[in-house]
């Protein structure tokens, strides 16, 4: 990583979320000056204790569905904005709050880009989602498919696609430079399970069930759905590289190591150390569950990046962390 981040003034919306705070930690290590904007609706409040004494961090609680951040950008003389703030969760969450997600994510992104007009911000790094590829029948999923496939039917994916259009049109009309990041199932320490299965991400949910003694292990759908998981440290390295080198472009950031959900569940079962024979109970599929998701990552590889942590290794790191902090 270059030293271009030293003394850089960076604003991160959603900076107390799982992805956002890992980005905060990395940029602090690179000697950036950070402004975190978060409404604390889903952010991890414990992160505040980690940075409350740090001289290079400013935290502002703000609801971006109701107001922008132009005052913050100008007062803090912000150089670059990483825009992560969004309503997001597991497949059940996406099914439960479709209108809220579509409305709020659109309002948040409009307010952020409106705030950047007539400022000195060099670039906006917009965090979209692999969910925009929902209706593709071509795999692996390459960036150029966005203009070739129908738009997503899932409101969350559609809201993220709207955000991409906002970034592109604000560039066309107002000259705001951007880069679009499409994460593919990021996981790692700090990614907490939700109180109700399906509301959070699949790896934390499965680990929580395994740790809690569930038997047989319940999964949504047949288990034949596939995903490709990227460990958080690899993901952040990819994001920072793209932020350094790319402009007015879009990138998948993920792993091309594809796995069925039932095989993922078995792997977690084994790594955790459950001794019973692995047995699952298949629950009815969730409404917005996509059956296959694997990225083409050749574009980001051309920048000199590739994942370094294989899934088994990353799951062991995550499970060890979970046992230390949350296991019963």
Protein backbone atom coordinates (compact mmCIF):
# COMPACT_ATOMS: atom_id res chain seq x y z
CA UNK A 1 0.00 0.00 0.00
CA UNK A 2 1.35 3.42 -0.91
CA UNK A 3 1.87 6.24 1.58
CA UNK A 4 -0.70 8.43 -0.17
CA UNK A 5 -3.10 7.93 2.77
CA UNK A 6 -0.81 9.65 5.29
CA UNK A 7 -2.52 12.86 6.46
CA UNK A 8 -5.36 12.29 3.96
CA UNK A 9 -8.68 13.56 5.34
CA UNK A 10 -11.21 10.77 4.88
CA UNK A 11 -14.93 10.76 5.65
CA UNK A 12 -16.60 7.36 6.08
CA UNK A 13 -20.40 7.09 6.19
CA UNK A 14 -21.51 3.97 8.04
CA UNK A 15 -18.09 3.93 9.71
CA UNK A 16 -19.27 1.99 12.76
CA UNK A 17 -20.50 -0.97 10.73
CA UNK A 18 -18.51 -4.14 10.12
CA UNK A 19 -17.00 -3.04 6.80
CA UNK A 20 -16.78 0.61 7.74
CA UNK A 21 -14.88 0.17 10.97
CA UNK A 22 -12.38 -2.25 9.47
CA UNK A 23 -11.74 0.46 6.89
CA UNK A 24 -11.32 2.98 9.73
CA UNK A 25 -8.74 0.78 11.47
CA UNK A 26 -6.72 0.29 8.31
CA UNK A 27 -6.71 3.97 7.41
CA UNK A 28 -5.66 4.95 10.92
CA UNK A 29 -2.72 2.57 10.58
CA UNK A 30 -1.89 4.41 7.35
CA UNK A 31 -1.99 7.73 9.29
CA UNK A 32 -5.14 9.15 7.72
CA UNK A 33 -7.39 11.62 9.53
CA UNK A 34 -10.88 10.13 9.79
CA UNK A 35 -14.39 11.52 10.11
CA UNK A 36 -17.00 8.84 10.91
CA UNK A 37 -20.66 9.59 10.19
CA UNK A 38 -23.09 6.97 11.50
CA UNK A 39 -26.62 7.02 12.91
CA UNK A 40 -25.87 4.09 15.29
CA UNK A 41 -28.97 2.23 14.08
CA UNK A 42 -26.90 -0.87 13.33
CA UNK A 43 -23.34 0.21 14.03
CA UNK A 44 -21.35 -1.44 16.80
CA UNK A 45 -21.29 1.05 19.69
CA UNK A 46 -18.29 -0.75 21.22
CA UNK A 47 -16.25 0.62 18.32
CA UNK A 48 -16.69 4.09 19.80
CA UNK A 49 -14.66 3.06 22.85
CA UNK A 50 -11.85 1.97 20.56
CA UNK A 51 -11.52 5.35 18.89
CA UNK A 52 -12.81 7.84 21.49
CA UNK A 53 -9.30 8.85 22.59
CA UNK A 54 -7.78 8.77 19.12
CA UNK A 55 -6.63 12.22 18.04
CA UNK A 56 -7.11 11.45 14.33
CA UNK A 57 -10.80 10.47 14.54
CA UNK A 58 -13.92 12.63 14.67
CA UNK A 59 -17.31 10.95 15.18
CA UNK A 60 -20.62 12.51 14.20
CA UNK A 61 -24.01 10.90 14.78
CA UNK A 62 -26.29 11.84 11.90
CA UNK A 63 -29.34 10.41 10.13
CA UNK A 64 -28.43 10.66 6.45
CA UNK A 65 -32.00 9.98 5.36
CA UNK A 66 -32.88 13.42 6.73
CA UNK A 67 -29.82 15.59 6.22
CA UNK A 68 -26.57 15.76 4.34
CA UNK A 69 -22.93 16.26 5.30
CA UNK A 70 -21.81 19.34 3.38
CA UNK A 71 -21.06 21.18 6.63
CA UNK A 72 -18.85 18.33 7.81
CA UNK A 73 -17.04 18.06 4.48
CA UNK A 74 -16.24 21.78 4.49
CA UNK A 75 -15.42 22.09 8.21
CA UNK A 76 -13.09 19.07 8.13
CA UNK A 77 -11.69 19.86 4.66
CA UNK A 78 -12.43 16.28 3.51
CA UNK A 79 -10.36 14.85 0.62
CA UNK A 80 -12.16 11.57 -0.07
CA UNK A 81 -15.51 10.05 0.93
CA UNK A 82 -16.13 6.33 1.42
CA UNK A 83 -19.90 5.92 1.31
CA UNK A 84 -21.00 2.73 3.07
CA UNK A 85 -24.07 3.87 5.02
CA UNK A 86 -27.10 1.78 4.03
CA UNK A 87 -29.92 -0.37 5.29
CA UNK A 88 -28.56 -3.90 4.87
CA UNK A 89 -28.81 -7.35 6.43
CA UNK A 90 -29.32 -11.01 5.66
CA UNK A 91 -31.84 -12.46 3.22
CA UNK A 92 -34.64 -12.45 5.80
CA UNK A 93 -33.99 -8.77 6.59
CA UNK A 94 -34.18 -7.95 2.88
CA UNK A 95 -37.51 -9.76 2.68
CA UNK A 96 -38.92 -8.13 5.80
CA UNK A 97 -38.17 -4.46 5.07
CA UNK A 98 -38.24 -3.99 1.27
CA UNK A 99 -39.83 -0.51 1.22
CA UNK A 100 -37.67 0.81 4.06
CA UNK A 101 -34.52 -0.41 2.31
CA UNK A 102 -35.42 1.07 -1.07
CA UNK A 103 -36.54 4.40 0.37
CA UNK A 104 -33.76 4.94 2.88
CA UNK A 105 -30.84 3.78 0.75
CA UNK A 106 -31.91 6.09 -2.07
CA UNK A 107 -32.36 9.06 0.28
CA UNK A 108 -29.01 8.43 1.97
CA UNK A 109 -27.06 8.28 -1.28
CA UNK A 110 -28.80 11.32 -2.78
CA UNK A 111 -28.03 13.34 0.36
CA UNK A 112 -24.38 12.26 0.31
CA UNK A 113 -23.82 13.17 -3.34
CA UNK A 114 -25.76 16.43 -3.00
CA UNK A 115 -23.44 17.30 -0.11
CA UNK A 116 -20.35 16.79 -2.26
CA UNK A 117 -21.40 19.31 -4.91
CA UNK A 118 -19.31 22.49 -4.78
CA UNK A 119 -16.72 21.01 -2.42
CA UNK A 120 -13.07 19.99 -2.80
CA UNK A 121 -13.72 16.26 -2.41
CA UNK A 122 -11.39 14.41 -4.80
CA UNK A 123 -13.38 11.21 -5.11
CA UNK A 124 -16.33 9.24 -3.72
CA UNK A 125 -15.91 5.50 -3.16
CA UNK A 126 -19.45 4.13 -3.32
CA UNK A 127 -20.14 0.69 -1.84
CA UNK A 128 -22.70 -1.03 -4.03
CA UNK A 129 -23.45 -4.76 -3.80
CA UNK A 130 -23.17 -8.06 -5.64
CA UNK A 131 -26.98 -8.09 -5.33
CA UNK A 132 -27.19 -5.94 -8.45
CA UNK A 133 -26.34 -9.09 -10.47
CA UNK A 134 -29.40 -10.94 -9.13
CA UNK A 135 -30.96 -11.79 -12.51
CA UNK A 136 -27.83 -12.84 -14.34
CA UNK A 137 -27.73 -16.29 -15.95
CA UNK A 138 -24.08 -15.81 -16.94
CA UNK A 139 -21.33 -16.82 -14.50
CA UNK A 140 -18.91 -15.83 -13.16
CA UNK A 141 -20.32 -12.33 -12.73
CA UNK A 142 -18.21 -9.74 -14.54
CA UNK A 143 -18.60 -5.99 -14.15
CA UNK A 144 -19.77 -5.46 -17.74
CA UNK A 145 -22.87 -7.59 -17.12
CA UNK A 146 -24.55 -4.68 -15.36
CA UNK A 147 -25.54 -3.11 -18.66
CA UNK A 148 -26.55 -6.45 -20.21
CA UNK A 149 -28.86 -8.04 -17.64
CA UNK A 150 -32.29 -6.96 -16.31
CA UNK A 151 -32.26 -4.85 -13.13
CA UNK A 152 -32.66 -6.71 -9.84
CA UNK A 153 -36.13 -7.46 -8.48
CA UNK A 154 -34.86 -7.48 -4.88
CA UNK A 155 -35.38 -3.96 -3.46
CA UNK A 156 -31.97 -3.95 -1.74
CA UNK A 157 -30.15 -4.76 -4.98
CA UNK A 158 -32.27 -2.23 -6.85
CA UNK A 159 -31.46 0.45 -4.26
CA UNK A 160 -27.75 -0.24 -4.74
CA UNK A 161 -28.12 -0.04 -8.51
CA UNK A 162 -29.88 3.31 -8.08
CA UNK A 163 -26.86 4.40 -6.04
CA UNK A 164 -24.57 3.48 -8.92
CA UNK A 165 -26.66 5.60 -11.27
CA UNK A 166 -26.52 8.46 -8.78
CA UNK A 167 -22.71 8.24 -8.73
CA UNK A 168 -22.51 8.17 -12.54
CA UNK A 169 -25.00 10.98 -13.17
CA UNK A 170 -23.45 13.25 -10.55
CA UNK A 171 -20.17 12.69 -12.34
CA UNK A 172 -21.74 13.54 -15.70
CA UNK A 173 -23.50 16.70 -14.54
CA UNK A 174 -21.34 17.96 -11.67
CA UNK A 175 -17.94 16.36 -12.33
CA UNK A 176 -17.84 14.40 -9.05
CA UNK A 177 -15.30 11.61 -9.47
CA UNK A 178 -16.30 8.20 -8.17
CA UNK A 179 -15.40 4.55 -8.01
CA UNK A 180 -17.92 1.75 -7.37
CA UNK A 181 -17.10 -1.23 -5.12
CA UNK A 182 -19.25 -4.38 -5.38
CA UNK A 183 -18.56 -6.56 -2.31
CA UNK A 184 -19.19 -10.31 -2.48
CA UNK A 185 -20.08 -11.79 0.91
CA UNK A 186 -17.42 -10.32 3.19
CA UNK A 187 -16.87 -12.04 6.56
CA UNK A 188 -14.48 -11.99 9.50
CA UNK A 189 -14.09 -10.98 13.16
CA UNK A 190 -16.53 -8.25 14.12
CA UNK A 191 -19.33 -9.54 11.89
CA UNK A 192 -22.01 -10.28 14.48
CA UNK A 193 -24.97 -12.63 14.10
CA UNK A 194 -28.44 -11.14 14.31
CA UNK A 195 -30.86 -11.98 17.09
CA UNK A 196 -33.12 -13.77 14.60
CA UNK A 197 -31.71 -16.22 12.01
CA UNK A 198 -31.75 -14.82 8.49
CA UNK A 199 -31.60 -11.18 9.53
CA UNK A 200 -27.81 -11.21 9.59
CA UNK A 201 -25.12 -12.63 7.33
CA UNK A 202 -24.98 -16.36 6.72
CA UNK A 203 -21.57 -17.17 8.26
CA UNK A 204 -22.25 -15.47 11.63
CA UNK A 205 -25.75 -17.00 11.69
CA UNK A 206 -24.43 -20.51 11.07
CA UNK A 207 -21.61 -20.15 13.58
CA UNK A 208 -24.08 -18.95 16.21
CA UNK A 209 -26.34 -21.95 15.58
CA UNK A 210 -23.44 -24.39 15.74
CA UNK A 211 -22.10 -22.76 18.91
CA UNK A 212 -25.54 -22.86 20.53
CA UNK A 213 -25.87 -26.63 20.11
CA UNK A 214 -28.55 -26.69 17.40
CA UNK A 215 -29.20 -30.22 16.17
CA UNK A 216 -29.98 -30.86 13.44
CA UNK A 217 -28.55 -27.66 12.00
CA UNK A 218 -31.24 -25.54 10.36
CA UNK A 219 -30.57 -23.87 7.03
CA UNK A 220 -32.87 -21.91 4.74
CA UNK A 221 -33.67 -23.59 1.43
CA UNK A 222 -32.10 -26.70 -0.04
CA UNK A 223 -28.51 -25.73 0.72
CA UNK A 224 -27.67 -25.95 -2.98
CA UNK A 225 -27.37 -22.16 -3.20
CA UNK A 226 -23.79 -21.05 -3.78
CA UNK A 227 -21.79 -18.09 -2.54
CA UNK A 228 -18.19 -16.89 -2.67
CA UNK A 229 -16.83 -15.47 0.60
CA UNK A 230 -14.02 -12.96 1.02
CA UNK A 231 -12.13 -12.46 4.29
CA UNK A 232 -12.28 -8.92 5.67
CA UNK A 233 -8.54 -8.15 5.53
CA UNK A 234 -8.33 -9.18 1.87
CA UNK A 235 -11.43 -7.13 1.12
CA UNK A 236 -10.09 -3.93 2.71
CA UNK A 237 -6.78 -4.26 0.87
CA UNK A 238 -8.71 -4.50 -2.38
CA UNK A 239 -10.86 -1.48 -1.54
CA UNK A 240 -7.88 0.72 -0.72
CA UNK A 241 -6.05 -0.33 -3.87
CA UNK A 242 -9.07 0.54 -6.02
CA UNK A 243 -9.50 3.85 -4.18
CA UNK A 244 -5.87 4.68 -4.98
CA UNK A 245 -5.75 3.62 -8.62
CA UNK A 246 -9.24 3.79 -10.15
CA UNK A 247 -11.53 6.63 -11.13
CA UNK A 248 -15.02 6.64 -12.66
CA UNK A 249 -15.05 2.85 -12.79
CA UNK A 250 -16.56 -0.20 -11.07
CA UNK A 251 -14.95 -3.27 -9.48
CA UNK A 252 -16.02 -6.59 -8.00
CA UNK A 253 -14.18 -7.31 -4.75
CA UNK A 254 -14.52 -10.91 -3.67
CA UNK A 255 -13.21 -14.43 -3.99
CA UNK A 256 -13.79 -16.78 -6.90
CA UNK A 257 -13.80 -19.76 -4.49
CA UNK A 258 -17.44 -20.87 -4.84
CA UNK A 259 -19.15 -23.10 -2.26
CA UNK A 260 -22.65 -24.51 -1.67
CA UNK A 261 -24.33 -23.32 1.53
CA UNK A 262 -24.74 -26.89 2.76
CA UNK A 263 -20.99 -27.46 2.31
CA UNK A 264 -20.27 -24.19 4.09
CA UNK A 265 -22.43 -25.35 7.00
CA UNK A 266 -20.57 -28.67 7.15
CA UNK A 267 -17.21 -26.90 7.08
CA UNK A 268 -18.24 -24.65 9.98
CA UNK A 269 -19.54 -27.71 11.87
CA UNK A 270 -16.20 -29.47 11.48
CA UNK A 271 -13.99 -26.47 12.28
CA UNK A 272 -16.05 -25.63 15.36
CA UNK A 273 -15.55 -29.17 16.63
CA UNK A 274 -19.08 -30.52 16.85
CA UNK A 275 -18.87 -34.29 17.30
CA UNK A 276 -22.36 -35.35 16.25
CA UNK A 277 -22.82 -36.54 12.67
CA UNK A 278 -23.49 -33.50 10.48
CA UNK A 279 -27.24 -33.33 9.83
CA UNK A 280 -29.32 -30.46 8.50
CA UNK A 281 -32.97 -29.54 8.57
CA UNK A 282 -33.97 -27.55 5.48
CA UNK A 283 -36.37 -24.72 6.23
CA UNK A 284 -38.54 -23.10 3.54
CA UNK A 285 -36.45 -20.88 1.28
CA UNK A 286 -36.46 -17.16 1.91
CA UNK A 287 -38.22 -14.96 -0.62
CA UNK A 288 -35.19 -13.03 -1.85
CA UNK A 289 -32.57 -15.79 -1.75
CA UNK A 290 -30.38 -15.81 -4.88
CA UNK A 291 -29.37 -19.31 -6.00
CA UNK A 292 -25.87 -18.58 -7.29
CA UNK A 293 -23.31 -15.84 -6.75
CA UNK A 294 -19.68 -16.02 -7.86
CA UNK A 295 -17.66 -13.05 -9.12
CA UNK A 296 -15.26 -12.63 -11.98
CA UNK A 297 -12.34 -10.87 -10.25
CA UNK A 298 -10.00 -10.56 -13.21
CA UNK A 299 -10.48 -6.78 -13.30
CA UNK A 300 -9.22 -6.15 -9.76
CA UNK A 301 -6.51 -8.78 -10.24
CA UNK A 302 -5.19 -6.61 -13.09
CA UNK A 303 -4.41 -3.96 -10.43
CA UNK A 304 -2.16 -6.44 -8.63
CA UNK A 305 -4.60 -7.78 -6.01
CA UNK A 306 -5.84 -11.28 -5.25
CA UNK A 307 -7.32 -12.97 -2.16
CA UNK A 308 -4.69 -14.46 0.13
CA UNK A 309 -6.88 -16.20 2.75
CA UNK A 310 -8.71 -19.36 1.73
CA UNK A 311 -12.17 -20.03 3.12
CA UNK A 312 -11.17 -22.79 5.58
CA UNK A 313 -8.42 -20.60 7.02
CA UNK A 314 -10.68 -17.56 7.28
CA UNK A 315 -13.46 -19.56 8.94
CA UNK A 316 -11.02 -20.80 11.54
CA UNK A 317 -9.98 -17.22 12.31
CA UNK A 318 -13.62 -16.19 12.60
CA UNK A 319 -14.66 -19.17 14.75
CA UNK A 320 -11.68 -18.70 17.09
CA UNK A 321 -12.69 -15.05 17.51
CA UNK A 322 -16.33 -15.99 18.06
CA UNK A 323 -15.45 -18.61 20.70
CA UNK A 324 -13.35 -16.08 22.57
CA UNK A 325 -15.99 -13.33 22.61
CA UNK A 326 -19.46 -14.83 22.19
CA UNK A 327 -19.63 -18.61 22.60
CA UNK A 328 -21.85 -19.87 25.40
